Amino acid sequence: MTLAPAGAFASKTPVQIEINGRTISYDNAPFSGMTWFEKNGFNIGEEAFASEDELIKTILHEMHRLKTSKLRGSGTAAEVSEETKAAYDFANKTINLFK
């Protein structure tokens, strides 16, 4: 049986799945999400499950980073911060489409 990230969160069990060429993993760790450029995916942490909105925003944020990043995990701190801010703003503006 394969656990989806939500089921893994409930059981506090790390899991990794692949969906359409993207690797998504759940880690029982204190963060919402981290882009995983090498696997064309992202890690979801326990903070993403604080609410339904937080989970949706985490997924929107990570997908935005994967689709728009020119740095792909490299670059200066200022450049990475700029990409992160753009993804954060996108997620906060777009979440209303899911309500």
N, C-alpha and C. Protein backbone atom coordinates (compact mmCIF):
# COMPACT_ATOMS: atom_id res chain seq x y z
N MET A 1 0.84 -1.17 0.00
CA MET A 1 0.00 0.00 0.00
C MET A 1 0.89 1.24 0.00
N THR A 2 0.57 2.20 -0.84
CA THR A 2 1.30 3.46 -0.91
C THR A 2 0.51 4.54 -0.21
N LEU A 3 1.16 5.24 0.70
CA LEU A 3 0.52 6.34 1.40
C LEU A 3 0.65 7.61 0.59
N ALA A 4 -0.42 8.36 0.46
CA ALA A 4 -0.35 9.70 -0.11
C ALA A 4 0.19 10.62 0.98
N PRO A 5 0.67 11.82 0.62
CA PRO A 5 1.20 12.71 1.65
C PRO A 5 0.25 12.97 2.82
N ALA A 6 -1.05 13.11 2.59
CA ALA A 6 -1.99 13.35 3.69
C ALA A 6 -2.04 12.15 4.63
N GLY A 7 -2.06 10.95 4.09
CA GLY A 7 -2.05 9.75 4.92
C GLY A 7 -0.74 9.59 5.67
N ALA A 8 0.34 9.96 5.02
CA ALA A 8 1.66 9.90 5.66
C ALA A 8 1.72 10.89 6.82
N PHE A 9 1.13 12.07 6.63
CA PHE A 9 1.10 13.05 7.72
C PHE A 9 0.34 12.50 8.91
N ALA A 10 -0.81 11.89 8.66
CA ALA A 10 -1.62 11.34 9.75
C ALA A 10 -0.87 10.29 10.54
N SER A 11 -0.05 9.50 9.86
CA SER A 11 0.70 8.43 10.53
C SER A 11 2.15 8.84 10.85
N LYS A 12 2.52 10.08 10.50
CA LYS A 12 3.89 10.59 10.72
C LYS A 12 4.95 9.72 10.04
N THR A 13 4.58 9.20 8.86
CA THR A 13 5.46 8.31 8.10
C THR A 13 5.98 9.03 6.86
N PRO A 14 7.29 9.21 6.71
CA PRO A 14 7.82 9.81 5.49
C PRO A 14 7.43 8.96 4.27
N VAL A 15 7.10 9.63 3.19
CA VAL A 15 6.70 8.92 1.97
C VAL A 15 7.12 9.75 0.75
N GLN A 16 7.35 9.06 -0.34
CA GLN A 16 7.70 9.71 -1.60
C GLN A 16 6.87 9.09 -2.70
N ILE A 17 6.22 9.94 -3.51
CA ILE A 17 5.42 9.46 -4.63
C ILE A 17 5.82 10.23 -5.88
N GLU A 18 5.47 9.66 -7.03
CA GLU A 18 5.69 10.35 -8.29
C GLU A 18 4.36 10.53 -9.00
N ILE A 19 4.09 11.75 -9.42
CA ILE A 19 2.86 12.08 -10.14
C ILE A 19 3.25 12.84 -11.39
N ASN A 20 2.96 12.28 -12.55
CA ASN A 20 3.26 12.92 -13.83
C ASN A 20 4.69 13.45 -13.91
N GLY A 21 5.64 12.64 -13.51
CA GLY A 21 7.04 13.02 -13.61
C GLY A 21 7.54 13.95 -12.52
N ARG A 22 6.73 14.20 -11.52
CA ARG A 22 7.13 15.04 -10.39
C ARG A 22 7.20 14.19 -9.13
N THR A 23 8.29 14.32 -8.41
CA THR A 23 8.44 13.61 -7.15
C THR A 23 7.94 14.51 -6.03
N ILE A 24 7.03 13.99 -5.24
CA ILE A 24 6.48 14.71 -4.09
C ILE A 24 6.71 13.83 -2.88
N SER A 25 7.30 14.43 -1.85
CA SER A 25 7.54 13.64 -0.66
C SER A 25 6.95 14.36 0.55
N TYR A 26 6.62 13.56 1.56
CA TYR A 26 6.22 14.11 2.86
C TYR A 26 7.33 13.78 3.83
N ASP A 27 7.74 14.78 4.58
CA ASP A 27 8.75 14.59 5.62
C ASP A 27 8.17 15.09 6.93
N ASN A 28 8.28 14.31 7.97
CA ASN A 28 7.79 14.69 9.29
C ASN A 28 8.79 15.68 9.89
N ALA A 29 8.75 16.91 9.37
CA ALA A 29 9.70 17.94 9.76
C ALA A 29 8.99 19.30 9.80
N PRO A 30 9.54 20.26 10.55
CA PRO A 30 8.86 21.54 10.76
C PRO A 30 9.05 22.56 9.63
N PHE A 31 8.43 22.32 8.50
CA PHE A 31 8.40 23.28 7.39
C PHE A 31 7.15 23.02 6.58
N SER A 32 6.77 23.97 5.72
CA SER A 32 5.60 23.77 4.85
C SER A 32 6.01 23.07 3.56
N GLY A 33 6.96 23.65 2.86
CA GLY A 33 7.38 23.05 1.60
C GLY A 33 8.79 23.47 1.22
N MET A 34 9.43 22.63 0.43
CA MET A 34 10.76 22.93 -0.12
C MET A 34 10.81 22.39 -1.54
N THR A 35 11.21 23.24 -2.45
CA THR A 35 11.32 22.85 -3.85
C THR A 35 12.48 21.87 -4.00
N TRP A 36 12.27 20.83 -4.79
CA TRP A 36 13.26 19.79 -5.02
C TRP A 36 13.54 19.74 -6.51
N PHE A 37 14.36 20.67 -6.99
CA PHE A 37 14.61 20.82 -8.42
C PHE A 37 15.17 19.55 -9.04
N GLU A 38 16.05 18.85 -8.32
CA GLU A 38 16.69 17.66 -8.87
C GLU A 38 15.68 16.58 -9.24
N LYS A 39 14.56 16.52 -8.52
CA LYS A 39 13.53 15.52 -8.78
C LYS A 39 12.30 16.13 -9.45
N ASN A 40 12.42 17.40 -9.88
CA ASN A 40 11.31 18.10 -10.52
C ASN A 40 10.06 18.02 -9.63
N GLY A 41 10.25 18.23 -8.35
CA GLY A 41 9.14 18.12 -7.41
C GLY A 41 9.39 18.93 -6.16
N PHE A 42 8.80 18.48 -5.06
CA PHE A 42 8.93 19.21 -3.81
C PHE A 42 8.66 18.32 -2.62
N ASN A 43 9.12 18.79 -1.47
CA ASN A 43 8.88 18.12 -0.20
C ASN A 43 7.80 18.91 0.54
N ILE A 44 6.88 18.21 1.15
CA ILE A 44 5.85 18.81 1.99
C ILE A 44 6.18 18.43 3.42
N GLY A 45 6.19 19.42 4.30
CA GLY A 45 6.45 19.18 5.71
C GLY A 45 5.18 19.28 6.53
N GLU A 46 5.30 19.04 7.82
CA GLU A 46 4.11 18.99 8.69
C GLU A 46 3.38 20.33 8.77
N GLU A 47 4.06 21.46 8.63
CA GLU A 47 3.39 22.76 8.70
C GLU A 47 2.41 22.98 7.56
N ALA A 48 2.58 22.29 6.44
CA ALA A 48 1.64 22.42 5.32
C ALA A 48 0.26 21.91 5.69
N PHE A 49 0.19 21.04 6.69
CA PHE A 49 -1.09 20.45 7.08
C PHE A 49 -1.77 21.20 8.22
N ALA A 50 -1.32 22.43 8.51
CA ALA A 50 -1.94 23.23 9.57
C ALA A 50 -3.39 23.56 9.23
N SER A 51 -3.68 23.69 7.93
CA SER A 51 -5.05 23.96 7.48
C SER A 51 -5.15 23.58 6.01
N GLU A 52 -6.35 23.49 5.52
CA GLU A 52 -6.54 23.21 4.09
C GLU A 52 -5.94 24.32 3.25
N ASP A 53 -6.14 25.57 3.66
CA ASP A 53 -5.57 26.70 2.93
C ASP A 53 -4.05 26.62 2.87
N GLU A 54 -3.42 26.26 3.98
CA GLU A 54 -1.95 26.18 4.00
C GLU A 54 -1.46 25.08 3.06
N LEU A 55 -2.15 23.96 3.00
CA LEU A 55 -1.75 22.89 2.09
C LEU A 55 -1.89 23.34 0.63
N ILE A 56 -2.99 23.99 0.31
CA ILE A 56 -3.19 24.48 -1.06
C ILE A 56 -2.13 25.51 -1.42
N LYS A 57 -1.86 26.46 -0.51
CA LYS A 57 -0.85 27.47 -0.78
C LYS A 57 0.53 26.86 -0.93
N THR A 58 0.83 25.84 -0.15
CA THR A 58 2.13 25.17 -0.27
C THR A 58 2.28 24.54 -1.65
N ILE A 59 1.26 23.85 -2.11
CA ILE A 59 1.32 23.21 -3.44
C ILE A 59 1.41 24.27 -4.54
N LEU A 60 0.62 25.34 -4.44
CA LEU A 60 0.69 26.42 -5.44
C LEU A 60 2.09 27.05 -5.46
N HIS A 61 2.62 27.31 -4.29
CA HIS A 61 3.95 27.91 -4.16
C HIS A 61 5.00 27.03 -4.83
N GLU A 62 4.98 25.76 -4.50
CA GLU A 62 6.00 24.85 -5.03
C GLU A 62 5.85 24.65 -6.54
N MET A 63 4.64 24.53 -7.03
CA MET A 63 4.44 24.38 -8.47
C MET A 63 4.88 25.64 -9.22
N HIS A 64 4.61 26.80 -8.63
CA HIS A 64 5.06 28.06 -9.25
C HIS A 64 6.58 28.09 -9.34
N ARG A 65 7.25 27.70 -8.26
CA ARG A 65 8.72 27.68 -8.29
C ARG A 65 9.23 26.74 -9.38
N LEU A 66 8.64 25.55 -9.47
CA LEU A 66 9.10 24.58 -10.47
C LEU A 66 8.89 25.09 -11.89
N LYS A 67 7.79 25.77 -12.12
CA LYS A 67 7.46 26.22 -13.49
C LYS A 67 8.18 27.50 -13.88
N THR A 68 8.52 28.36 -12.93
CA THR A 68 9.03 29.68 -13.30
C THR A 68 10.49 29.94 -12.92
N SER A 69 11.09 29.11 -12.12
CA SER A 69 12.45 29.38 -11.63
C SER A 69 13.46 29.40 -12.77
N LYS A 70 14.21 30.45 -12.81
CA LYS A 70 15.32 30.54 -13.76
C LYS A 70 16.61 30.10 -13.05
N LEU A 71 16.61 30.18 -11.73
CA LEU A 71 17.80 29.84 -10.95
C LEU A 71 17.93 28.34 -10.71
N ARG A 72 16.81 27.66 -10.56
CA ARG A 72 16.77 26.21 -10.31
C ARG A 72 17.65 25.82 -9.13
N GLY A 73 17.57 26.61 -8.05
CA GLY A 73 18.28 26.27 -6.83
C GLY A 73 19.65 26.89 -6.70
N SER A 74 20.09 27.66 -7.68
CA SER A 74 21.38 28.33 -7.57
C SER A 74 21.13 29.84 -7.59
N GLY A 75 22.17 30.61 -7.48
CA GLY A 75 22.01 32.06 -7.52
C GLY A 75 22.34 32.68 -6.17
N THR A 76 22.32 33.99 -6.13
CA THR A 76 22.61 34.70 -4.90
C THR A 76 21.42 34.61 -3.95
N ALA A 77 21.68 34.92 -2.69
CA ALA A 77 20.60 34.92 -1.70
C ALA A 77 19.48 35.88 -2.11
N ALA A 78 19.85 37.02 -2.64
CA ALA A 78 18.85 38.01 -3.07
C ALA A 78 18.01 37.47 -4.23
N GLU A 79 18.64 36.80 -5.18
CA GLU A 79 17.90 36.24 -6.32
C GLU A 79 16.96 35.13 -5.88
N VAL A 80 17.43 34.26 -5.00
CA VAL A 80 16.59 33.17 -4.49
C VAL A 80 15.42 33.75 -3.69
N SER A 81 15.69 34.77 -2.89
CA SER A 81 14.62 35.42 -2.11
C SER A 81 13.57 36.04 -3.02
N GLU A 82 14.01 36.61 -4.13
CA GLU A 82 13.08 37.21 -5.09
C GLU A 82 12.16 36.15 -5.70
N GLU A 83 12.72 35.01 -6.09
CA GLU A 83 11.89 33.92 -6.63
C GLU A 83 10.94 33.38 -5.57
N THR A 84 11.42 33.25 -4.35
CA THR A 84 10.57 32.75 -3.26
C THR A 84 9.42 33.71 -3.01
N LYS A 85 9.70 35.00 -3.01
CA LYS A 85 8.65 36.01 -2.79
C LYS A 85 7.63 35.97 -3.91
N ALA A 86 8.07 35.81 -5.15
CA ALA A 86 7.15 35.72 -6.29
C ALA A 86 6.23 34.51 -6.14
N ALA A 87 6.77 33.38 -5.72
CA ALA A 87 5.96 32.17 -5.52
C ALA A 87 4.99 32.36 -4.36
N TYR A 88 5.44 32.99 -3.29
CA TYR A 88 4.58 33.27 -2.14
C TYR A 88 3.42 34.18 -2.55
N ASP A 89 3.72 35.25 -3.28
CA ASP A 89 2.67 36.16 -3.74
C ASP A 89 1.69 35.46 -4.66
N PHE A 90 2.19 34.62 -5.57
CA PHE A 90 1.32 33.86 -6.47
C PHE A 90 0.37 32.98 -5.68
N ALA A 91 0.89 32.24 -4.71
CA ALA A 91 0.06 31.34 -3.91
C ALA A 91 -1.02 32.10 -3.15
N ASN A 92 -0.66 33.23 -2.58
CA ASN A 92 -1.62 34.01 -1.80
C ASN A 92 -2.69 34.66 -2.67
N LYS A 93 -2.36 35.01 -3.88
CA LYS A 93 -3.35 35.58 -4.80
C LYS A 93 -4.23 34.50 -5.42
N THR A 94 -3.67 33.35 -5.69
CA THR A 94 -4.36 32.30 -6.43
C THR A 94 -5.24 31.43 -5.56
N ILE A 95 -4.99 31.36 -4.28
CA ILE A 95 -5.76 30.46 -3.40
C ILE A 95 -7.26 30.71 -3.48
N ASN A 96 -7.64 31.94 -3.76
CA ASN A 96 -9.07 32.26 -3.83
C ASN A 96 -9.79 31.48 -4.93
N LEU A 97 -9.07 30.99 -5.91
CA LEU A 97 -9.68 30.17 -6.96
C LEU A 97 -10.14 28.82 -6.42
N PHE A 98 -9.63 28.42 -5.26
CA PHE A 98 -9.93 27.11 -4.69
C PHE A 98 -10.96 27.17 -3.57
N LYS A 99 -11.56 28.32 -3.37
CA LYS A 99 -12.55 28.48 -2.28
C LYS A 99 -13.95 28.56 -2.84
